Amino acid sequence: EFKPQELASLAWSFATAGHAAPALFDGLASRLSVLVGELFTAQGLSNTAWAFAAAGRPSPALFARLAAEATPRLSEFKPQELASLAWAFATVGQPAPALFDGLAVVAAQRLTFFKPLEVANVAWAFAAADHRTAPALFDEGFGRHVESLGGGFNDGSLVQLHQWALWLERECGRADGLPSEQLRARFHAAFASRGGRPSRLHKEVLSALASLRLEPAEHLQTDEGYTLDLVVEWRGGKGAVMV
């Protein structure tokens, strides 16, 4: 009985509220996979992708349909909608190379209109998706825009940008799109300062390793800012254990 836009709004509302409803999302995914073509405004497409990603309900069939519908229409999307779309596809791990190619071109054309959160989400999405064919986007102009927004990034965005900067430099072999070393130091500091409590599994693994007299070291930080849960010495070498 629901219209396509009403189904999309329902998914968005449940995801925004953080209310787990796996059966509902499964039903919505099945129905929306059929109705995507008649949905949707750019906002509807973006919100639907974001809702399923935020709810942790990946649906390959739905995301494939969303990508097919959105890719030729990316010029209709506002910066926030482009950023949400990129974030959603990267978050669920849905391959969509044509979509990311289009996102790179459109985002580069409108870069000056992207706010701090949108810039961080787009940058992180390309890194998380490991989509390396985006020279039009991550050029010197991107680095200058990131620099100009430096004071507007919250800690979450700084963490995302640290991951993007590592990916761009080390995986893509590029530095032309990076901001200043001073701003990148803020990225690193935010990433390295992330908190968190050891999980029950972490404690169980630690206890098991200790019972074997391996005496693991906990929470060692790499130069890049990543934290290794446990590090053990074994037969003259060291190994990291992630839990």
C-alpha atoms as a PDB file:
ATOM      1  CA  GLU A   1       0.000   0.000   0.000  1.00  0.00           C
ATOM      2  CA  PHE A   2       3.018   2.294   0.413  1.00  0.00           C
ATOM      3  CA  LYS A   3       4.222   4.487  -2.412  1.00  0.00           C
ATOM      4  CA  PRO A   4       7.929   4.235  -3.325  1.00  0.00           C
ATOM      5  CA  GLN A   5       8.829   7.550  -1.685  1.00  0.00           C
ATOM      6  CA  GLU A   6       6.983   6.512   1.465  1.00  0.00           C
ATOM      7  CA  LEU A   7       8.991   3.287   1.612  1.00  0.00           C
ATOM      8  CA  ALA A   8      12.206   5.260   1.284  1.00  0.00           C
ATOM      9  CA  SER A   9      11.113   7.650   4.047  1.00  0.00           C
ATOM     10  CA  LEU A  10      10.267   4.697   6.285  1.00  0.00           C
ATOM     11  CA  ALA A  11      13.738   3.222   5.853  1.00  0.00           C
ATOM     12  CA  TRP A  12      15.343   6.595   6.521  1.00  0.00           C
ATOM     13  CA  SER A  13      13.280   7.134   9.679  1.00  0.00           C
ATOM     14  CA  PHE A  14      14.170   3.754  11.190  1.00  0.00           C
ATOM     15  CA  ALA A  15      17.860   4.188  10.347  1.00  0.00           C
ATOM     16  CA  THR A  16      17.947   7.706  11.782  1.00  0.00           C
ATOM     17  CA  ALA A  17      16.311   6.498  15.002  1.00  0.00           C
ATOM     18  CA  GLY A  18      18.820   3.653  15.250  1.00  0.00           C
ATOM     19  CA  HIS A  19      15.983   1.186  15.651  1.00  0.00           C
ATOM     20  CA  ALA A  20      16.960  -2.323  14.564  1.00  0.00           C
ATOM     21  CA  ALA A  21      14.283  -3.813  12.336  1.00  0.00           C
ATOM     22  CA  PRO A  22      15.921  -6.492  10.167  1.00  0.00           C
ATOM     23  CA  ALA A  23      12.655  -8.000   8.931  1.00  0.00           C
ATOM     24  CA  LEU A  24      11.358  -4.578   7.943  1.00  0.00           C
ATOM     25  CA  PHE A  25      14.549  -3.689   6.076  1.00  0.00           C
ATOM     26  CA  ASP A  26      14.562  -7.044   4.292  1.00  0.00           C
ATOM     27  CA  GLY A  27      11.017  -6.409   3.130  1.00  0.00           C
ATOM     28  CA  LEU A  28      11.808  -2.850   2.110  1.00  0.00           C
ATOM     29  CA  ALA A  29      14.864  -3.992   0.171  1.00  0.00           C
ATOM     30  CA  SER A  30      12.833  -6.546  -1.750  1.00  0.00           C
ATOM     31  CA  ARG A  31      10.127  -4.044  -2.616  1.00  0.00           C
ATOM     32  CA  LEU A  32      12.403  -1.095  -3.369  1.00  0.00           C
ATOM     33  CA  SER A  33      14.602  -3.217  -5.650  1.00  0.00           C
ATOM     34  CA  VAL A  34      11.580  -3.442  -7.940  1.00  0.00           C
ATOM     35  CA  LEU A  35      10.413   0.147  -7.525  1.00  0.00           C
ATOM     36  CA  VAL A  36      13.696   2.089  -7.720  1.00  0.00           C
ATOM     37  CA  GLY A  37      13.083   3.168 -11.289  1.00  0.00           C
ATOM     38  CA  GLU A  38       9.857   4.922 -10.445  1.00  0.00           C
ATOM     39  CA  LEU A  39      11.010   6.301  -7.085  1.00  0.00           C
ATOM     40  CA  PHE A  40      13.045   8.587  -7.028  1.00  0.00           C
ATOM     41  CA  THR A  41      14.339  12.039  -6.728  1.00  0.00           C
ATOM     42  CA  ALA A  42      18.068  12.384  -6.191  1.00  0.00           C
ATOM     43  CA  GLN A  43      17.319  12.891  -2.501  1.00  0.00           C
ATOM     44  CA  GLY A  44      15.246   9.712  -2.416  1.00  0.00           C
ATOM     45  CA  LEU A  45      18.006   7.645  -3.980  1.00  0.00           C
ATOM     46  CA  SER A  46      20.625   9.078  -1.655  1.00  0.00           C
ATOM     47  CA  ASN A  47      18.487   8.726   1.467  1.00  0.00           C
ATOM     48  CA  THR A  48      17.619   5.125   0.632  1.00  0.00           C
ATOM     49  CA  ALA A  49      21.259   4.156   0.170  1.00  0.00           C
ATOM     50  CA  TRP A  50      22.224   5.975   3.355  1.00  0.00           C
ATOM     51  CA  ALA A  51      19.412   4.371   5.372  1.00  0.00           C
ATOM     52  CA  PHE A  52      20.354   0.801   4.487  1.00  0.00           C
ATOM     53  CA  ALA A  53      24.051   1.469   5.099  1.00  0.00           C
ATOM     54  CA  ALA A  54      23.441   3.230   8.413  1.00  0.00           C
ATOM     55  CA  ALA A  55      21.166   0.403   9.532  1.00  0.00           C
ATOM     56  CA  GLY A  56      23.804  -2.176   8.647  1.00  0.00           C
ATOM     57  CA  ARG A  57      21.489  -3.867   6.154  1.00  0.00           C
ATOM     58  CA  PRO A  58      23.429  -4.314   2.906  1.00  0.00           C
ATOM     59  CA  SER A  59      21.292  -5.509   0.022  1.00  0.00           C
ATOM     60  CA  PRO A  60      23.342  -6.234  -3.109  1.00  0.00           C
ATOM     61  CA  ALA A  61      20.282  -6.311  -5.361  1.00  0.00           C
ATOM     62  CA  LEU A  62      18.958  -3.005  -4.064  1.00  0.00           C
ATOM     63  CA  PHE A  63      22.325  -1.273  -4.199  1.00  0.00           C
ATOM     64  CA  ALA A  64      22.910  -2.505  -7.736  1.00  0.00           C
ATOM     65  CA  ARG A  65      19.592  -0.964  -8.767  1.00  0.00           C
ATOM     66  CA  LEU A  66      20.382   2.253  -6.898  1.00  0.00           C
ATOM     67  CA  ALA A  67      23.742   2.524  -8.658  1.00  0.00           C
ATOM     68  CA  ALA A  68      22.182   1.920 -12.073  1.00  0.00           C
ATOM     69  CA  GLU A  69      19.551   4.589 -11.432  1.00  0.00           C
ATOM     70  CA  ALA A  70      21.813   7.178  -9.815  1.00  0.00           C
ATOM     71  CA  THR A  71      24.890   7.025 -12.062  1.00  0.00           C
ATOM     72  CA  PRO A  72      23.408   8.760 -15.136  1.00  0.00           C
ATOM     73  CA  ARG A  73      21.655  11.313 -12.905  1.00  0.00           C
ATOM     74  CA  LEU A  74      24.508  12.464 -10.675  1.00  0.00           C
ATOM     75  CA  SER A  75      24.296  16.005 -12.020  1.00  0.00           C
ATOM     76  CA  GLU A  76      20.933  16.253 -10.207  1.00  0.00           C
ATOM     77  CA  PHE A  77      22.465  15.517  -6.797  1.00  0.00           C
ATOM     78  CA  LYS A  78      23.369  18.185  -4.258  1.00  0.00           C
ATOM     79  CA  PRO A  79      26.756  17.931  -2.481  1.00  0.00           C
ATOM     80  CA  GLN A  80      25.203  16.387   0.643  1.00  0.00           C
ATOM     81  CA  GLU A  81      23.387  13.804  -1.475  1.00  0.00           C
ATOM     82  CA  LEU A  82      26.563  12.937  -3.388  1.00  0.00           C
ATOM     83  CA  ALA A  83      28.481  12.543  -0.139  1.00  0.00           C
ATOM     84  CA  SER A  84      25.786  10.375   1.450  1.00  0.00           C
ATOM     85  CA  LEU A  85      25.607   8.196  -1.637  1.00  0.00           C
ATOM     86  CA  ALA A  86      29.371   7.675  -1.736  1.00  0.00           C
ATOM     87  CA  TRP A  87      29.502   6.958   2.007  1.00  0.00           C
ATOM     88  CA  ALA A  88      26.680   4.432   1.781  1.00  0.00           C
ATOM     89  CA  PHE A  89      28.184   2.405  -1.063  1.00  0.00           C
ATOM     90  CA  ALA A  90      31.600   2.346   0.602  1.00  0.00           C
ATOM     91  CA  THR A  91      30.102   1.405   3.960  1.00  0.00           C
ATOM     92  CA  VAL A  92      28.246  -1.642   2.639  1.00  0.00           C
ATOM     93  CA  GLY A  93      31.157  -2.605   0.386  1.00  0.00           C
ATOM     94  CA  GLN A  94      29.050  -2.626  -2.768  1.00  0.00           C
ATOM     95  CA  PRO A  95      31.236  -2.513  -5.910  1.00  0.00           C
ATOM     96  CA  ALA A  96      30.094   0.354  -8.139  1.00  0.00           C
ATOM     97  CA  PRO A  97      33.019   1.551 -10.289  1.00  0.00           C
ATOM     98  CA  ALA A  98      30.876   3.476 -12.778  1.00  0.00           C
ATOM     99  CA  LEU A  99      29.109   5.259  -9.942  1.00  0.00           C
ATOM    100  CA  PHE A 100      32.393   6.268  -8.299  1.00  0.00           C
ATOM    101  CA  ASP A 101      33.814   7.430 -11.635  1.00  0.00           C
ATOM    102  CA  GLY A 102      30.791   9.677 -12.054  1.00  0.00           C
ATOM    103  CA  LEU A 103      30.953  10.856  -8.452  1.00  0.00           C
ATOM    104  CA  ALA A 104      34.580  11.901  -8.930  1.00  0.00           C
ATOM    105  CA  VAL A 105      33.755  14.042 -11.954  1.00  0.00           C
ATOM    106  CA  VAL A 106      30.665  15.723 -10.493  1.00  0.00           C
ATOM    107  CA  ALA A 107      32.230  16.286  -7.074  1.00  0.00           C
ATOM    108  CA  ALA A 108      35.308  17.883  -8.675  1.00  0.00           C
ATOM    109  CA  GLN A 109      33.097  20.271 -10.602  1.00  0.00           C
ATOM    110  CA  ARG A 110      31.244  21.386  -7.453  1.00  0.00           C
ATOM    111  CA  LEU A 111      33.984  21.002  -4.881  1.00  0.00           C
ATOM    112  CA  THR A 112      33.788  24.536  -3.511  1.00  0.00           C
ATOM    113  CA  PHE A 113      30.193  23.876  -2.410  1.00  0.00           C
ATOM    114  CA  PHE A 114      31.145  20.854  -0.281  1.00  0.00           C
ATOM    115  CA  LYS A 115      31.088  21.442   3.475  1.00  0.00           C
ATOM    116  CA  PRO A 116      33.557  19.788   5.907  1.00  0.00           C
ATOM    117  CA  LEU A 117      31.456  16.709   6.675  1.00  0.00           C
ATOM    118  CA  GLU A 118      30.689  16.192   2.980  1.00  0.00           C
ATOM    119  CA  VAL A 119      34.360  16.495   1.993  1.00  0.00           C
ATOM    120  CA  ALA A 120      35.375  13.991   4.666  1.00  0.00           C
ATOM    121  CA  ASN A 121      32.665  11.501   3.715  1.00  0.00           C
ATOM    122  CA  VAL A 122      33.573  11.640   0.021  1.00  0.00           C
ATOM    123  CA  ALA A 123      37.301  11.316   0.662  1.00  0.00           C
ATOM    124  CA  TRP A 124      36.806   8.413   3.074  1.00  0.00           C
ATOM    125  CA  ALA A 125      34.391   6.672   0.698  1.00  0.00           C
ATOM    126  CA  PHE A 126      36.891   6.608  -2.162  1.00  0.00           C
ATOM    127  CA  ALA A 127      39.571   5.274   0.192  1.00  0.00           C
ATOM    128  CA  ALA A 128      37.291   2.646   1.741  1.00  0.00           C
ATOM    129  CA  ALA A 129      36.126   1.538  -1.696  1.00  0.00           C
ATOM    130  CA  ASP A 130      39.742   1.630  -2.932  1.00  0.00           C
ATOM    131  CA  HIS A 131      38.567   3.439  -6.051  1.00  0.00           C
ATOM    132  CA  ARG A 132      41.813   4.766  -7.484  1.00  0.00           C
ATOM    133  CA  THR A 133      40.704   6.158 -10.848  1.00  0.00           C
ATOM    134  CA  ALA A 134      39.699   9.596  -9.569  1.00  0.00           C
ATOM    135  CA  PRO A 135      42.429  11.985 -10.787  1.00  0.00           C
ATOM    136  CA  ALA A 136      39.852  14.680 -11.531  1.00  0.00           C
ATOM    137  CA  LEU A 137      38.884  14.827  -7.875  1.00  0.00           C
ATOM    138  CA  PHE A 138      41.974  14.423  -5.716  1.00  0.00           C
ATOM    139  CA  ASP A 139      44.183  17.066  -7.289  1.00  0.00           C
ATOM    140  CA  GLU A 140      45.810  20.185  -5.823  1.00  0.00           C
ATOM    141  CA  GLY A 141      42.436  21.930  -5.792  1.00  0.00           C
ATOM    142  CA  PHE A 142      41.063  19.269  -3.463  1.00  0.00           C
ATOM    143  CA  GLY A 143      43.973  19.745  -1.080  1.00  0.00           C
ATOM    144  CA  ARG A 144      43.459  23.512  -1.081  1.00  0.00           C
ATOM    145  CA  HIS A 145      39.754  23.106  -0.362  1.00  0.00           C
ATOM    146  CA  VAL A 146      40.466  20.737   2.525  1.00  0.00           C
ATOM    147  CA  GLU A 147      42.972  23.267   3.837  1.00  0.00           C
ATOM    148  CA  SER A 148      40.440  26.099   3.617  1.00  0.00           C
ATOM    149  CA  LEU A 149      37.963  24.065   5.687  1.00  0.00           C
ATOM    150  CA  GLY A 150      40.542  23.007   8.275  1.00  0.00           C
ATOM    151  CA  GLY A 151      38.880  24.644  11.251  1.00  0.00           C
ATOM    152  CA  GLY A 152      35.486  23.149  10.445  1.00  0.00           C
ATOM    153  CA  PHE A 153      36.298  19.439  10.695  1.00  0.00           C
ATOM    154  CA  ASN A 154      35.080  17.555  13.758  1.00  0.00           C
ATOM    155  CA  ASP A 155      37.032  14.636  15.224  1.00  0.00           C
ATOM    156  CA  GLY A 156      35.127  12.062  13.181  1.00  0.00           C
ATOM    157  CA  SER A 157      35.895  13.894   9.958  1.00  0.00           C
ATOM    158  CA  LEU A 158      39.562  14.253  10.908  1.00  0.00           C
ATOM    159  CA  VAL A 159      39.723  10.482  11.432  1.00  0.00           C
ATOM    160  CA  GLN A 160      38.169   9.878   8.010  1.00  0.00           C
ATOM    161  CA  LEU A 161      40.610  12.283   6.375  1.00  0.00           C
ATOM    162  CA  HIS A 162      43.582  10.572   8.010  1.00  0.00           C
ATOM    163  CA  GLN A 163      42.502   7.269   6.475  1.00  0.00           C
ATOM    164  CA  TRP A 164      42.012   8.972   3.103  1.00  0.00           C
ATOM    165  CA  ALA A 165      45.422  10.675   3.242  1.00  0.00           C
ATOM    166  CA  LEU A 166      47.184   7.384   4.011  1.00  0.00           C
ATOM    167  CA  TRP A 167      45.350   5.702   1.151  1.00  0.00           C
ATOM    168  CA  LEU A 168      46.079   8.486  -1.350  1.00  0.00           C
ATOM    169  CA  GLU A 169      49.764   8.636  -0.527  1.00  0.00           C
ATOM    170  CA  ARG A 170      50.598   4.999   0.123  1.00  0.00           C
ATOM    171  CA  GLU A 171      48.151   3.055  -2.000  1.00  0.00           C
ATOM    172  CA  CYS A 172      47.750   5.489  -4.900  1.00  0.00           C
ATOM    173  CA  GLY A 173      51.266   6.930  -4.773  1.00  0.00           C
ATOM    174  CA  ARG A 174      49.997  10.505  -4.923  1.00  0.00           C
ATOM    175  CA  ALA A 175      50.620  13.552  -2.766  1.00  0.00           C
ATOM    176  CA  ASP A 176      49.375  16.381  -4.975  1.00  0.00           C
ATOM    177  CA  GLY A 177      45.881  16.318  -3.444  1.00  0.00           C
ATOM    178  CA  LEU A 178      47.020  16.387   0.167  1.00  0.00           C
ATOM    179  CA  PRO A 179      46.728  19.422   2.461  1.00  0.00           C
ATOM    180  CA  SER A 180      49.557  20.863   4.558  1.00  0.00           C
ATOM    181  CA  GLU A 181      51.620  18.795   6.968  1.00  0.00           C
ATOM    182  CA  GLN A 182      50.181  20.840   9.832  1.00  0.00           C
ATOM    183  CA  LEU A 183      46.618  19.841   8.975  1.00  0.00           C
ATOM    184  CA  ARG A 184      47.633  16.252   8.366  1.00  0.00           C
ATOM    185  CA  ALA A 185      49.161  16.242  11.849  1.00  0.00           C
ATOM    186  CA  ARG A 186      45.678  17.077  13.159  1.00  0.00           C
ATOM    187  CA  PHE A 187      44.286  14.155  11.146  1.00  0.00           C
ATOM    188  CA  HIS A 188      46.841  11.855  12.746  1.00  0.00           C
ATOM    189  CA  ALA A 189      46.259  13.159  16.263  1.00  0.00           C
ATOM    190  CA  ALA A 190      42.501  12.630  16.005  1.00  0.00           C
ATOM    191  CA  PHE A 191      42.977   9.136  14.588  1.00  0.00           C
ATOM    192  CA  ALA A 192      45.536   8.133  17.208  1.00  0.00           C
ATOM    193  CA  SER A 193      43.440   9.417  20.100  1.00  0.00           C
ATOM    194  CA  ARG A 194      40.381   7.293  19.372  1.00  0.00           C
ATOM    195  CA  GLY A 195      39.160   5.654  22.538  1.00  0.00           C
ATOM    196  CA  GLY A 196      37.418   2.381  23.158  1.00  0.00           C
ATOM    197  CA  ARG A 197      36.964  -0.327  25.729  1.00  0.00           C
ATOM    198  CA  PRO A 198      38.392  -3.823  25.338  1.00  0.00           C
ATOM    199  CA  SER A 199      35.682  -6.210  24.243  1.00  0.00           C
ATOM    200  CA  ARG A 200      34.814  -9.443  25.993  1.00  0.00           C
ATOM    201  CA  LEU A 201      36.490 -11.335  23.142  1.00  0.00           C
ATOM    202  CA  HIS A 202      39.617  -9.215  23.565  1.00  0.00           C
ATOM    203  CA  LYS A 203      39.805 -10.177  27.248  1.00  0.00           C
ATOM    204  CA  GLU A 204      39.253 -13.855  26.455  1.00  0.00           C
ATOM    205  CA  VAL A 205      41.992 -13.890  23.810  1.00  0.00           C
ATOM    206  CA  LEU A 206      44.344 -12.038  26.143  1.00  0.00           C
ATOM    207  CA  SER A 207      43.699 -14.598  28.884  1.00  0.00           C
ATOM    208  CA  ALA A 208      44.237 -17.507  26.488  1.00  0.00           C
ATOM    209  CA  LEU A 209      47.545 -16.113  25.252  1.00  0.00           C
ATOM    210  CA  ALA A 210      48.690 -15.397  28.792  1.00  0.00           C
ATOM    211  CA  SER A 211      47.908 -19.004  29.757  1.00  0.00           C
ATOM    212  CA  LEU A 212      50.362 -20.053  27.058  1.00  0.00           C
ATOM    213  CA  ARG A 213      52.984 -17.769  28.662  1.00  0.00           C
ATOM    214  CA  LEU A 214      53.157 -15.589  25.601  1.00  0.00           C
ATOM    215  CA  GLU A 215      52.745 -12.363  27.615  1.00  0.00           C
ATOM    216  CA  PRO A 216      51.128 -10.284  24.869  1.00  0.00           C
ATOM    217  CA  ALA A 217      51.524  -6.520  24.765  1.00  0.00           C
ATOM    218  CA  GLU A 218      48.271  -4.602  24.433  1.00  0.00           C
ATOM    219  CA  HIS A 219      47.197  -1.648  22.307  1.00  0.00           C
ATOM    220  CA  LEU A 220      50.453  -0.897  20.517  1.00  0.00           C
ATOM    221  CA  GLN A 221      50.161   1.992  18.096  1.00  0.00           C
ATOM    222  CA  THR A 222      51.792   2.074  14.666  1.00  0.00           C
ATOM    223  CA  ASP A 223      53.371   5.188  13.176  1.00  0.00           C
ATOM    224  CA  GLU A 224      50.250   5.593  11.044  1.00  0.00           C
ATOM    225  CA  GLY A 225      48.057   5.787  14.139  1.00  0.00           C
ATOM    226  CA  TYR A 226      46.506   2.334  13.912  1.00  0.00           C
ATOM    227  CA  THR A 227      46.224   0.358  17.152  1.00  0.00           C
ATOM    228  CA  LEU A 228      47.219  -3.296  17.310  1.00  0.00           C
ATOM    229  CA  ASP A 229      45.034  -5.060  19.865  1.00  0.00           C
ATOM    230  CA  LEU A 230      47.656  -7.569  20.949  1.00  0.00           C
ATOM    231  CA  VAL A 231      51.251  -8.240  19.936  1.00  0.00           C
ATOM    232  CA  VAL A 232      53.006 -11.489  20.818  1.00  0.00           C
ATOM    233  CA  GLU A 233      56.574 -12.657  20.374  1.00  0.00           C
ATOM    234  CA  TRP A 234      56.897 -16.103  18.808  1.00  0.00           C
ATOM    235  CA  ARG A 235      59.987 -17.922  17.589  1.00  0.00           C
ATOM    236  CA  GLY A 236      62.049 -14.784  17.279  1.00  0.00           C
ATOM    237  CA  GLY A 237      59.403 -12.700  15.562  1.00  0.00           C
ATOM    238  CA  LYS A 238      56.390 -10.612  16.470  1.00  0.00           C
ATOM    239  CA  GLY A 239      52.796 -11.076  15.406  1.00  0.00           C
ATOM    240  CA  ALA A 240      49.744  -8.866  15.806  1.00  0.00           C
ATOM    241  CA  VAL A 241      46.383 -10.210  16.932  1.00  0.00           C
ATOM    242  CA  MET A 242      43.310  -8.159  16.019  1.00  0.00           C
ATOM    243  CA  VAL A 243      40.030  -8.910  17.812  1.00  0.00           C
END
